[in-house]
PDB file of all heavy atoms in Angstrom:
ATOM      1  N   PRO A   1       0.832  -1.212  -0.006  1.00  0.00           N
ATOM      2  CA  PRO A   1      -0.036   0.020  -0.025  1.00  0.00           C
ATOM      3  C   PRO A   1       0.885   1.241   0.026  1.00  0.00           C
ATOM      4  O   PRO A   1       1.994   1.206   0.442  1.00  0.00           O
ATOM      5  CB  PRO A   1      -0.755  -0.050   1.349  1.00  0.00           C
ATOM      6  CG  PRO A   1       0.059  -0.897   2.151  1.00  0.00           C
ATOM      7  CD  PRO A   1       0.796  -1.888   1.311  1.00  0.00           C
ATOM      8  N   ALA A   2       0.233   2.366  -0.492  1.00  0.00           N
ATOM      9  CA  ALA A   2       0.974   3.554  -0.424  1.00  0.00           C
ATOM     10  C   ALA A   2       0.808   4.199   0.985  1.00  0.00           C
ATOM     11  O   ALA A   2      -0.160   4.012   1.670  1.00  0.00           O
ATOM     12  CB  ALA A   2       0.300   4.620  -1.518  1.00  0.00           C
ATOM     13  N   VAL A   3       1.811   4.940   1.393  1.00  0.00           N
ATOM     14  CA  VAL A   3       1.805   5.626   2.712  1.00  0.00           C
ATOM     15  C   VAL A   3       1.901   7.104   2.379  1.00  0.00           C
ATOM     16  O   VAL A   3       2.953   7.565   1.914  1.00  0.00           O
ATOM     17  CB  VAL A   3       2.998   5.179   3.656  1.00  0.00           C
ATOM     18  CG1 VAL A   3       2.950   5.955   4.889  1.00  0.00           C
ATOM     19  CG2 VAL A   3       2.935   3.654   3.808  1.00  0.00           C
ATOM     20  N   PRO A   4       0.830   7.897   2.564  1.00  0.00           N
ATOM     21  CA  PRO A   4       0.813   9.259   2.121  1.00  0.00           C
ATOM     22  C   PRO A   4       1.999  10.091   2.533  1.00  0.00           C
ATOM     23  O   PRO A   4       2.493  10.850   1.714  1.00  0.00           O
ATOM     24  CB  PRO A   4      -0.467   9.770   2.743  1.00  0.00           C
ATOM     25  CG  PRO A   4      -1.374   8.659   2.854  1.00  0.00           C
ATOM     26  CD  PRO A   4      -0.428   7.536   3.235  1.00  0.00           C
ATOM     27  N   ALA A   5       2.527  10.046   3.687  1.00  0.00           N
ATOM     28  CA  ALA A   5       3.687  10.891   4.076  1.00  0.00           C
ATOM     29  C   ALA A   5       4.878  10.612   3.340  1.00  0.00           C
ATOM     30  O   ALA A   5       5.687  11.496   3.152  1.00  0.00           O
ATOM     31  CB  ALA A   5       4.033  10.627   5.625  1.00  0.00           C
ATOM     32  N   ILE A   6       5.015   9.401   2.738  1.00  0.00           N
ATOM     33  CA  ILE A   6       6.298   9.158   1.890  1.00  0.00           C
ATOM     34  C   ILE A   6       5.934   8.822   0.490  1.00  0.00           C
ATOM     35  O   ILE A   6       6.917   8.595  -0.338  1.00  0.00           O
ATOM     36  CB  ILE A   6       7.125   8.015   2.605  1.00  0.00           C
ATOM     37  CG1 ILE A   6       6.272   6.709   2.627  1.00  0.00           C
ATOM     38  CG2 ILE A   6       7.528   8.371   4.061  1.00  0.00           C
ATOM     39  CD1 ILE A   6       7.119   5.433   3.109  1.00  0.00           C
ATOM     40  N   SER A   7       4.727   8.671   0.165  1.00  0.00           N
ATOM     41  CA  SER A   7       4.281   8.261  -1.227  1.00  0.00           C
ATOM     42  C   SER A   7       3.776   9.360  -2.102  1.00  0.00           C
ATOM     43  O   SER A   7       3.336   9.105  -3.202  1.00  0.00           O
ATOM     44  CB  SER A   7       3.251   7.156  -1.069  1.00  0.00           C
ATOM     45  OG  SER A   7       3.728   6.055  -0.396  1.00  0.00           O
ATOM     46  N   ASP A   8       3.749  10.554  -1.580  1.00  0.00           N
ATOM     47  CA  ASP A   8       3.155  11.675  -2.360  1.00  0.00           C
ATOM     48  C   ASP A   8       4.205  12.778  -2.539  1.00  0.00           C
ATOM     49  O   ASP A   8       5.034  12.975  -1.626  1.00  0.00           O
ATOM     50  CB  ASP A   8       1.980  12.347  -1.633  1.00  0.00           C
ATOM     51  CG  ASP A   8       0.795  11.298  -1.498  1.00  0.00           C
ATOM     52  OD1 ASP A   8       0.873  10.288  -2.115  1.00  0.00           O
ATOM     53  OD2 ASP A   8      -0.046  11.617  -0.672  1.00  0.00           O
ATOM     54  N   SER A   9       4.101  13.491  -3.614  1.00  0.00           N
ATOM     55  CA  SER A   9       5.095  14.565  -3.899  1.00  0.00           C
ATOM     56  C   SER A   9       4.587  15.427  -5.052  1.00  0.00           C
ATOM     57  O   SER A   9       3.977  15.023  -5.891  1.00  0.00           O
ATOM     58  CB  SER A   9       6.506  13.965  -4.306  1.00  0.00           C
ATOM     59  OG  SER A   9       7.448  14.908  -4.493  1.00  0.00           O
ATOM     60  N   TYR A  10       4.952  16.778  -4.870  1.00  0.00           N
ATOM     61  CA  TYR A  10       4.840  17.575  -6.070  1.00  0.00           C
ATOM     62  C   TYR A  10       6.068  17.394  -6.909  1.00  0.00           C
ATOM     63  O   TYR A  10       7.184  17.059  -6.403  1.00  0.00           O
ATOM     64  CB  TYR A  10       4.742  19.070  -5.680  1.00  0.00           C
ATOM     65  CG  TYR A  10       3.475  19.458  -4.922  1.00  0.00           C
ATOM     66  CD1 TYR A  10       3.540  19.915  -3.566  1.00  0.00           C
ATOM     67  CD2 TYR A  10       2.253  19.323  -5.421  1.00  0.00           C
ATOM     68  CE1 TYR A  10       2.413  20.222  -2.901  1.00  0.00           C
ATOM     69  CE2 TYR A  10       1.095  19.613  -4.746  1.00  0.00           C
ATOM     70  CZ  TYR A  10       1.169  20.075  -3.438  1.00  0.00           C
ATOM     71  OH  TYR A  10       0.081  20.348  -2.765  1.00  0.00           O
ATOM     72  N   GLU A  11       5.932  17.549  -8.251  1.00  0.00           N
ATOM     73  CA  GLU A  11       7.109  17.391  -9.024  1.00  0.00           C
ATOM     74  C   GLU A  11       7.026  18.336 -10.269  1.00  0.00           C
ATOM     75  O   GLU A  11       6.020  18.682 -10.732  1.00  0.00           O
ATOM     76  CB  GLU A  11       7.152  15.895  -9.585  1.00  0.00           C
ATOM     77  CG  GLU A  11       8.413  15.627 -10.372  1.00  0.00           C
ATOM     78  CD  GLU A  11       8.720  14.157 -10.446  1.00  0.00           C
ATOM     79  OE1 GLU A  11       8.558  13.364  -9.446  1.00  0.00           O
ATOM     80  OE2 GLU A  11       9.138  13.753 -11.561  1.00  0.00           O
ATOM     81  N   LEU A  12       8.222  18.770 -10.664  1.00  0.00           N
ATOM     82  CA  LEU A  12       8.338  19.754 -11.834  1.00  0.00           C
ATOM     83  C   LEU A  12       9.545  19.186 -12.673  1.00  0.00           C
ATOM     84  O   LEU A  12      10.668  19.203 -12.238  1.00  0.00           O
ATOM     85  CB  LEU A  12       8.613  21.117 -11.262  1.00  0.00           C
ATOM     86  CG  LEU A  12       8.884  22.137 -12.287  1.00  0.00           C
ATOM     87  CD1 LEU A  12       7.614  22.468 -13.091  1.00  0.00           C
ATOM     88  CD2 LEU A  12       9.322  23.460 -11.577  1.00  0.00           C
ATOM     89  N   ASN A  13       9.229  18.818 -13.919  1.00  0.00           N
ATOM     90  CA  ASN A  13      10.205  18.225 -14.757  1.00  0.00           C
ATOM     91  C   ASN A  13      10.609  19.233 -15.861  1.00  0.00           C
ATOM     92  O   ASN A  13       9.699  19.986 -16.420  1.00  0.00           O
ATOM     93  CB  ASN A  13       9.730  16.979 -15.399  1.00  0.00           C
ATOM     94  CG  ASN A  13       9.424  15.876 -14.437  1.00  0.00           C
ATOM     95  OD1 ASN A  13       9.932  15.942 -13.359  1.00  0.00           O
ATOM     96  ND2 ASN A  13       8.607  14.908 -14.845  1.00  0.00           N
ATOM     97  N   VAL A  14      11.793  19.293 -16.283  1.00  0.00           N
ATOM     98  CA  VAL A  14      12.341  19.895 -17.556  1.00  0.00           C
ATOM     99  C   VAL A  14      12.886  18.822 -18.307  1.00  0.00           C
ATOM    100  O   VAL A  14      13.764  18.086 -18.003  1.00  0.00           O
ATOM    101  CB  VAL A  14      13.444  20.975 -17.183  1.00  0.00           C
ATOM    102  CG1 VAL A  14      13.845  21.561 -18.589  1.00  0.00           C
ATOM    103  CG2 VAL A  14      12.908  21.957 -16.232  1.00  0.00           C
ATOM    104  N   ARG A  15      12.298  18.649 -19.607  1.00  0.00           N
ATOM    105  CA  ARG A  15      12.691  17.484 -20.339  1.00  0.00           C
ATOM    106  C   ARG A  15      12.765  17.818 -21.884  1.00  0.00           C
ATOM    107  O   ARG A  15      12.239  18.884 -22.282  1.00  0.00           O
ATOM    108  CB  ARG A  15      11.537  16.428 -20.235  1.00  0.00           C
ATOM    109  CG  ARG A  15      10.231  16.833 -20.786  1.00  0.00           C
ATOM    110  CD  ARG A  15       9.108  15.897 -20.384  1.00  0.00           C
ATOM    111  NE  ARG A  15       8.187  15.591 -21.441  1.00  0.00           N
ATOM    112  CZ  ARG A  15       7.231  14.669 -21.417  1.00  0.00           C
ATOM    113  NH1 ARG A  15       6.998  14.013 -20.211  1.00  0.00           N
ATOM    114  NH2 ARG A  15       6.514  14.396 -22.433  1.00  0.00           N
ATOM    115  N   THR A  16      13.396  16.953 -22.620  1.00  0.00           N
ATOM    116  CA  THR A  16      13.494  17.062 -24.039  1.00  0.00           C
ATOM    117  C   THR A  16      13.296  15.712 -24.588  1.00  0.00           C
ATOM    118  O   THR A  16      13.145  14.740 -23.872  1.00  0.00           O
ATOM    119  CB  THR A  16      14.784  17.759 -24.484  1.00  0.00           C
ATOM    120  OG1 THR A  16      14.670  18.030 -25.893  1.00  0.00           O
ATOM    121  CG2 THR A  16      15.994  16.891 -24.284  1.00  0.00           C
ATOM    122  N   TYR A  17      13.293  15.660 -25.941  1.00  0.00           N
ATOM    123  CA  TYR A  17      12.846  14.414 -26.570  1.00  0.00           C
ATOM    124  C   TYR A  17      14.004  13.817 -27.394  1.00  0.00           C
ATOM    125  O   TYR A  17      14.675  14.520 -28.199  1.00  0.00           O
ATOM    126  CB  TYR A  17      11.651  14.757 -27.444  1.00  0.00           C
ATOM    127  CG  TYR A  17      10.497  15.398 -26.627  1.00  0.00           C
ATOM    128  CD1 TYR A  17      10.473  16.757 -26.494  1.00  0.00           C
ATOM    129  CD2 TYR A  17       9.737  14.601 -25.823  1.00  0.00           C
ATOM    130  CE1 TYR A  17       9.509  17.338 -25.630  1.00  0.00           C
ATOM    131  CE2 TYR A  17       8.762  15.148 -24.991  1.00  0.00           C
ATOM    132  CZ  TYR A  17       8.717  16.538 -24.856  1.00  0.00           C
ATOM    133  OH  TYR A  17       7.856  17.116 -23.986  1.00  0.00           O
ATOM    134  N   VAL A  18      14.204  12.510 -27.269  1.00  0.00           N
ATOM    135  CA  VAL A  18      15.333  11.840 -27.833  1.00  0.00           C
ATOM    136  C   VAL A  18      14.871  10.490 -28.373  1.00  0.00           C
ATOM    137  O   VAL A  18      13.827  10.050 -28.167  1.00  0.00           O
ATOM    138  CB  VAL A  18      16.469  11.623 -26.765  1.00  0.00           C
ATOM    139  CG1 VAL A  18      16.979  12.986 -26.220  1.00  0.00           C
ATOM    140  CG2 VAL A  18      15.920  10.788 -25.594  1.00  0.00           C
ATOM    141  N   HIS A  19      15.873   9.867 -29.143  1.00  0.00           N
ATOM    142  CA  HIS A  19      15.641   8.440 -29.515  1.00  0.00           C
ATOM    143  C   HIS A  19      17.010   7.848 -29.600  1.00  0.00           C
ATOM    144  O   HIS A  19      18.012   8.469 -29.802  1.00  0.00           O
ATOM    145  CB  HIS A  19      14.835   8.289 -30.762  1.00  0.00           C
ATOM    146  CG  HIS A  19      15.445   8.950 -32.037  1.00  0.00           C
ATOM    147  ND1 HIS A  19      16.262   8.300 -32.800  1.00  0.00           N
ATOM    148  CD2 HIS A  19      15.271  10.175 -32.502  1.00  0.00           C
ATOM    149  CE1 HIS A  19      16.601   9.075 -33.844  1.00  0.00           C
ATOM    150  NE2 HIS A  19      15.931  10.248 -33.637  1.00  0.00           N
ATOM    151  N   TYR A  20      16.978   6.518 -29.399  1.00  0.00           N
ATOM    152  CA  TYR A  20      18.192   5.628 -29.459  1.00  0.00           C
ATOM    153  C   TYR A  20      17.889   4.444 -30.212  1.00  0.00           C
ATOM    154  O   TYR A  20      16.968   3.694 -29.839  1.00  0.00           O
ATOM    155  CB  TYR A  20      18.654   5.287 -28.026  1.00  0.00           C
ATOM    156  CG  TYR A  20      19.871   4.395 -28.020  1.00  0.00           C
ATOM    157  CD1 TYR A  20      21.095   4.930 -28.134  1.00  0.00           C
ATOM    158  CD2 TYR A  20      19.738   3.002 -27.858  1.00  0.00           C
ATOM    159  CE1 TYR A  20      22.287   4.123 -28.140  1.00  0.00           C
ATOM    160  CE2 TYR A  20      20.872   2.185 -27.841  1.00  0.00           C
ATOM    161  CZ  TYR A  20      22.134   2.759 -28.036  1.00  0.00           C
ATOM    162  OH  TYR A  20      23.237   1.954 -27.974  1.00  0.00           O
ATOM    163  N   GLU A  21      18.529   4.241 -31.325  1.00  0.00           N
ATOM    164  CA  GLU A  21      18.287   3.099 -32.218  1.00  0.00           C
ATOM    165  C   GLU A  21      16.816   2.908 -32.510  1.00  0.00           C
ATOM    166  O   GLU A  21      16.268   1.781 -32.476  1.00  0.00           O
ATOM    167  CB  GLU A  21      18.925   1.848 -31.654  1.00  0.00           C
ATOM    168  CG  GLU A  21      20.503   1.945 -31.461  1.00  0.00           C
ATOM    169  CD  GLU A  21      21.087   0.630 -31.046  1.00  0.00           C
ATOM    170  OE1 GLU A  21      20.316  -0.277 -30.573  1.00  0.00           O
ATOM    171  OE2 GLU A  21      22.354   0.528 -31.182  1.00  0.00           O
ATOM    172  N   GLY A  22      16.151   3.969 -32.851  1.00  0.00           N
ATOM    173  CA  GLY A  22      14.802   4.011 -33.242  1.00  0.00           C
ATOM    174  C   GLY A  22      13.772   3.977 -32.109  1.00  0.00           C
ATOM    175  O   GLY A  22      12.518   3.917 -32.425  1.00  0.00           O
ATOM    176  N   VAL A  23      14.190   3.930 -30.915  1.00  0.00           N
ATOM    177  CA  VAL A  23      13.250   3.917 -29.737  1.00  0.00           C
ATOM    178  C   VAL A  23      13.117   5.278 -29.168  1.00  0.00           C
ATOM    179  O   VAL A  23      14.078   5.746 -28.557  1.00  0.00           O
ATOM    180  CB  VAL A  23      13.677   2.910 -28.632  1.00  0.00           C
ATOM    181  CG1 VAL A  23      12.644   2.828 -27.513  1.00  0.00           C
ATOM    182  CG2 VAL A  23      13.889   1.472 -29.245  1.00  0.00           C
ATOM    183  N   PRO A  24      11.983   5.975 -29.259  1.00  0.00           N
ATOM    184  CA  PRO A  24      11.828   7.342 -28.790  1.00  0.00           C
ATOM    185  C   PRO A  24      11.559   7.339 -27.255  1.00  0.00           C
ATOM    186  O   PRO A  24      11.001   6.448 -26.664  1.00  0.00           O
ATOM    187  CB  PRO A  24      10.544   7.833 -29.482  1.00  0.00           C
ATOM    188  CG  PRO A  24       9.800   6.615 -29.755  1.00  0.00           C
ATOM    189  CD  PRO A  24      10.753   5.485 -30.003  1.00  0.00           C
ATOM    190  N   GLY A  25      12.053   8.400 -26.688  1.00  0.00           N
ATOM    191  CA  GLY A  25      11.864   8.527 -25.266  1.00  0.00           C
ATOM    192  C   GLY A  25      12.145   9.926 -24.743  1.00  0.00           C
ATOM    193  O   GLY A  25      12.142  10.908 -25.535  1.00  0.00           O
ATOM    194  N   ILE A  26      12.378  10.099 -23.440  1.00  0.00           N
ATOM    195  CA  ILE A  26      12.526  11.409 -22.812  1.00  0.00           C
ATOM    196  C   ILE A  26      13.933  11.442 -22.178  1.00  0.00           C
ATOM    197  O   ILE A  26      14.403  10.456 -21.599  1.00  0.00           O
ATOM    198  CB  ILE A  26      11.454  11.589 -21.773  1.00  0.00           C
ATOM    199  CG1 ILE A  26      10.137  11.717 -22.336  1.00  0.00           C
ATOM    200  CG2 ILE A  26      11.798  12.816 -20.852  1.00  0.00           C
ATOM    201  CD1 ILE A  26       8.975  11.674 -21.291  1.00  0.00           C
ATOM    202  N   TRP A  27      14.569  12.594 -22.304  1.00  0.00           N
ATOM    203  CA  TRP A  27      15.825  12.905 -21.506  1.00  0.00           C
ATOM    204  C   TRP A  27      15.372  14.021 -20.559  1.00  0.00           C
ATOM    205  O   TRP A  27      15.021  15.043 -20.995  1.00  0.00           O
ATOM    206  CB  TRP A  27      16.935  13.293 -22.469  1.00  0.00           C
ATOM    207  CG  TRP A  27      18.159  13.603 -21.616  1.00  0.00           C
ATOM    208  CD1 TRP A  27      18.609  14.821 -21.273  1.00  0.00           C
ATOM    209  CD2 TRP A  27      19.115  12.669 -21.011  1.00  0.00           C
ATOM    210  NE1 TRP A  27      19.763  14.761 -20.529  1.00  0.00           N
ATOM    211  CE2 TRP A  27      20.103  13.448 -20.370  1.00  0.00           C
ATOM    212  CE3 TRP A  27      19.205  11.327 -21.120  1.00  0.00           C
ATOM    213  CZ2 TRP A  27      21.185  12.812 -19.687  1.00  0.00           C
ATOM    214  CZ3 TRP A  27      20.206  10.704 -20.431  1.00  0.00           C
ATOM    215  CH2 TRP A  27      21.139  11.431 -19.773  1.00  0.00           C
ATOM    216  N   PHE A  28      15.574  13.745 -19.322  1.00  0.00           N
ATOM    217  CA  PHE A  28      15.238  14.744 -18.210  1.00  0.00           C
ATOM    218  C   PHE A  28      16.474  15.629 -18.017  1.00  0.00           C
ATOM    219  O   PHE A  28      17.522  15.097 -17.580  1.00  0.00           O
ATOM    220  CB  PHE A  28      14.804  14.058 -17.030  1.00  0.00           C
ATOM    221  CG  PHE A  28      13.489  13.437 -17.056  1.00  0.00           C
ATOM    222  CD1 PHE A  28      13.279  12.032 -17.100  1.00  0.00           C
ATOM    223  CD2 PHE A  28      12.303  14.233 -17.015  1.00  0.00           C
ATOM    224  CE1 PHE A  28      12.038  11.408 -17.140  1.00  0.00           C
ATOM    225  CE2 PHE A  28      11.075  13.696 -17.067  1.00  0.00           C
ATOM    226  CZ  PHE A  28      10.926  12.285 -17.191  1.00  0.00           C
ATOM    227  N   LEU A  29      16.341  16.917 -18.103  1.00  0.00           N
ATOM    228  CA  LEU A  29      17.409  17.947 -17.772  1.00  0.00           C
ATOM    229  C   LEU A  29      17.352  18.097 -16.254  1.00  0.00           C
ATOM    230  O   LEU A  29      18.405  18.221 -15.691  1.00  0.00           O
ATOM    231  CB  LEU A  29      17.119  19.153 -18.486  1.00  0.00           C
ATOM    232  CG  LEU A  29      17.085  19.097 -20.056  1.00  0.00           C
ATOM    233  CD1 LEU A  29      16.928  20.438 -20.623  1.00  0.00           C
ATOM    234  CD2 LEU A  29      18.384  18.470 -20.627  1.00  0.00           C
ATOM    235  N   SER A  30      16.181  18.066 -15.678  1.00  0.00           N
ATOM    236  CA  SER A  30      16.051  18.172 -14.181  1.00  0.00           C
ATOM    237  C   SER A  30      14.668  17.759 -13.772  1.00  0.00           C
ATOM    238  O   SER A  30      13.742  17.798 -14.546  1.00  0.00           O
ATOM    239  CB  SER A  30      16.316  19.626 -13.757  1.00  0.00           C
ATOM    240  OG  SER A  30      15.391  20.527 -14.269  1.00  0.00           O
ATOM    241  N   LEU A  31      14.586  17.294 -12.560  1.00  0.00           N
ATOM    242  CA  LEU A  31      13.313  16.905 -11.963  1.00  0.00           C
ATOM    243  C   LEU A  31      13.375  17.446 -10.453  1.00  0.00           C
ATOM    244  O   LEU A  31      14.216  17.059  -9.616  1.00  0.00           O
ATOM    245  CB  LEU A  31      13.149  15.362 -11.915  1.00  0.00           C
ATOM    246  CG  LEU A  31      13.322  14.628 -13.219  1.00  0.00           C
ATOM    247  CD1 LEU A  31      14.785  14.110 -13.375  1.00  0.00           C
ATOM    248  CD2 LEU A  31      12.325  13.491 -13.346  1.00  0.00           C
ATOM    249  N   ASP A  32      12.434  18.398 -10.234  1.00  0.00           N
ATOM    250  CA  ASP A  32      12.417  18.950  -8.843  1.00  0.00           C
ATOM    251  C   ASP A  32      11.242  18.319  -8.184  1.00  0.00           C
ATOM    252  O   ASP A  32      10.151  18.090  -8.781  1.00  0.00           O
ATOM    253  CB  ASP A  32      12.239  20.421  -8.902  1.00  0.00           C
ATOM    254  CG  ASP A  32      13.437  21.188  -9.330  1.00  0.00           C
ATOM    255  OD1 ASP A  32      14.313  20.679 -10.130  1.00  0.00           O
ATOM    256  OD2 ASP A  32      13.711  22.391  -8.886  1.00  0.00           O
ATOM    257  N   ALA A  33      11.407  18.046  -6.888  1.00  0.00           N
ATOM    258  CA  ALA A  33      10.364  17.353  -6.096  1.00  0.00           C
ATOM    259  C   ALA A  33      10.338  17.853  -4.698  1.00  0.00           C
ATOM    260  O   ALA A  33      11.405  18.204  -4.137  1.00  0.00           O
ATOM    261  CB  ALA A  33      10.516  15.854  -6.155  1.00  0.00           C
ATOM    262  N   SER A  34       9.151  17.820  -4.147  1.00  0.00           N
ATOM    263  CA  SER A  34       9.023  18.343  -2.776  1.00  0.00           C
ATOM    264  C   SER A  34       9.273  17.232  -1.722  1.00  0.00           C
ATOM    265  O   SER A  34       9.507  17.586  -0.551  1.00  0.00           O
ATOM    266  CB  SER A  34       7.548  18.832  -2.621  1.00  0.00           C
ATOM    267  OG  SER A  34       6.574  17.786  -2.781  1.00  0.00           O
ATOM    268  N   ASN A  35       9.278  16.009  -2.071  1.00  0.00           N
ATOM    269  CA  ASN A  35       9.413  14.900  -1.063  1.00  0.00           C
ATOM    270  C   ASN A  35      10.924  14.486  -1.128  1.00  0.00           C
ATOM    271  O   ASN A  35      11.428  13.929  -2.157  1.00  0.00           O
ATOM    272  CB  ASN A  35       8.538  13.703  -1.484  1.00  0.00           C
ATOM    273  CG  ASN A  35       8.604  12.640  -0.467  1.00  0.00           C
ATOM    274  OD1 ASN A  35       9.584  12.352   0.167  1.00  0.00           O
ATOM    275  ND2 ASN A  35       7.431  11.985  -0.294  1.00  0.00           N
ATOM    276  N   PRO A  36      11.662  14.733  -0.085  1.00  0.00           N
ATOM    277  CA  PRO A  36      13.092  14.433  -0.033  1.00  0.00           C
ATOM    278  C   PRO A  36      13.396  13.025  -0.188  1.00  0.00           C
ATOM    279  O   PRO A  36      14.407  12.611  -0.772  1.00  0.00           O
ATOM    280  CB  PRO A  36      13.531  15.022   1.341  1.00  0.00           C
ATOM    281  CG  PRO A  36      12.315  15.134   2.235  1.00  0.00           C
ATOM    282  CD  PRO A  36      11.224  15.390   1.243  1.00  0.00           C
ATOM    283  N   LEU A  37      12.506  12.070   0.253  1.00  0.00           N
ATOM    284  CA  LEU A  37      12.690  10.633   0.071  1.00  0.00           C
ATOM    285  C   LEU A  37      12.596  10.344  -1.421  1.00  0.00           C
ATOM    286  O   LEU A  37      13.325   9.439  -1.911  1.00  0.00           O
ATOM    287  CB  LEU A  37      11.702   9.885   0.911  1.00  0.00           C
ATOM    288  CG  LEU A  37      11.821   9.999   2.397  1.00  0.00           C
ATOM    289  CD1 LEU A  37      10.773   9.182   3.059  1.00  0.00           C
ATOM    290  CD2 LEU A  37      13.186   9.372   2.780  1.00  0.00           C
ATOM    291  N   ALA A  38      11.674  10.981  -2.134  1.00  0.00           N
ATOM    292  CA  ALA A  38      11.524  10.673  -3.557  1.00  0.00           C
ATOM    293  C   ALA A  38      12.776  11.099  -4.290  1.00  0.00           C
ATOM    294  O   ALA A  38      13.213  10.450  -5.162  1.00  0.00           O
ATOM    295  CB  ALA A  38      10.330  11.376  -4.120  1.00  0.00           C
ATOM    296  N   VAL A  39      13.372  12.200  -3.887  1.00  0.00           N
ATOM    297  CA  VAL A  39      14.618  12.749  -4.511  1.00  0.00           C
ATOM    298  C   VAL A  39      15.744  11.758  -4.285  1.00  0.00           C
ATOM    299  O   VAL A  39      16.465  11.381  -5.259  1.00  0.00           O
ATOM    300  CB  VAL A  39      14.950  14.131  -3.922  1.00  0.00           C
ATOM    301  CG1 VAL A  39      16.329  14.528  -4.363  1.00  0.00           C
ATOM    302  CG2 VAL A  39      13.902  15.155  -4.361  1.00  0.00           C
ATOM    303  N   VAL A  40      15.980  11.347  -3.037  1.00  0.00           N
ATOM    304  CA  VAL A  40      17.047  10.413  -2.742  1.00  0.00           C
ATOM    305  C   VAL A  40      16.814   9.048  -3.454  1.00  0.00           C
ATOM    306  O   VAL A  40      17.829   8.519  -4.090  1.00  0.00           O
ATOM    307  CB  VAL A  40      17.153  10.195  -1.272  1.00  0.00           C
ATOM    308  CG1 VAL A  40      18.137   9.125  -0.925  1.00  0.00           C
ATOM    309  CG2 VAL A  40      17.566  11.552  -0.577  1.00  0.00           C
ATOM    310  N   GLY A  41      15.634   8.556  -3.385  1.00  0.00           N
ATOM    311  CA  GLY A  41      15.403   7.240  -4.027  1.00  0.00           C
ATOM    312  C   GLY A  41      15.574   7.285  -5.535  1.00  0.00           C
ATOM    313  O   GLY A  41      16.196   6.419  -6.076  1.00  0.00           O
ATOM    314  N   ALA A  42      15.062   8.252  -6.215  1.00  0.00           N
ATOM    315  CA  ALA A  42      15.172   8.339  -7.667  1.00  0.00           C
ATOM    316  C   ALA A  42      16.608   8.579  -8.129  1.00  0.00           C
ATOM    317  O   ALA A  42      17.055   8.050  -9.105  1.00  0.00           O
ATOM    318  CB  ALA A  42      14.261   9.389  -8.187  1.00  0.00           C
TER     319      ALA A  42
END
């Protein structure tokens, strides 16, 4: 189960768009988050 105190966060991403050998995806320039545990874990 989720535990609200550690399982919730605001997040703000800065990203651009890339591909590798034909597979498209995202490259994150930065990810800001309000939950310090989420920051450390990620």
